[in-house]
Amino acid sequence: NNAKEIFESYLQSVFENKGEGWEEKTIHDVSKELFAGGDVPKDNYSKSKNEKHHIPIYSNGIKDRGLYGYTNISRVKEPSITISARGTIGYSEIRLEEYLPVVRLIVVIPNASVDLKILSYIFLTLNFVKSGTSIPQLTVPMVRDYKISFPKSLEKQKQIVSKLDRL
């Protein structure tokens, strides 16, 4: 618990104490694509991986990194970050393999201005605000306007990531 608190404190300080050469942009500004997943393909998925169904389906949730099952359809083929929009709101995961997002799982595919891992660390510092009365949820329009700060230089971004990875 102490180690986690020390890491979280350091992580917060990295992004609060911006240095020279940092910029502020919205999540939309640093996204090549930003969208929410759709429905589960009812007749084309399996709870277990097999020869036909080998592409992961991810939904909202922490358990098993949000793994819902498998299909042969992919919507995302590039490295990305998913953000849970329901239930465990704000939980994020880096996804490196192709996959199918479902149940309104938010997908962020970063553009070339920001490193995938630094974006993931930034998301850990955000307190995503929820909407909805009976079932709180996060929406793409809510996420797109969040302002984030990071170094303009990809080299500096990678240095920060390296230090955070070591911690």
Foldseek 3Di string as FASTA:
>chain_A
DVVVVVLLVVLLCPFVVDDPQKDKDALLVFFPDKFWAAADPVVFWDQEDDPAWHAFEAAADDVVDRTRTTGNDFDDAAWWKWAHFWDVGLDIDIDHHTHGYYDGTMIGHGDPQADRQLVVSQSVNDDQDWDDDPTTGHHRVSRRGDMGMDHRDRVVSVVVSVVSVVD
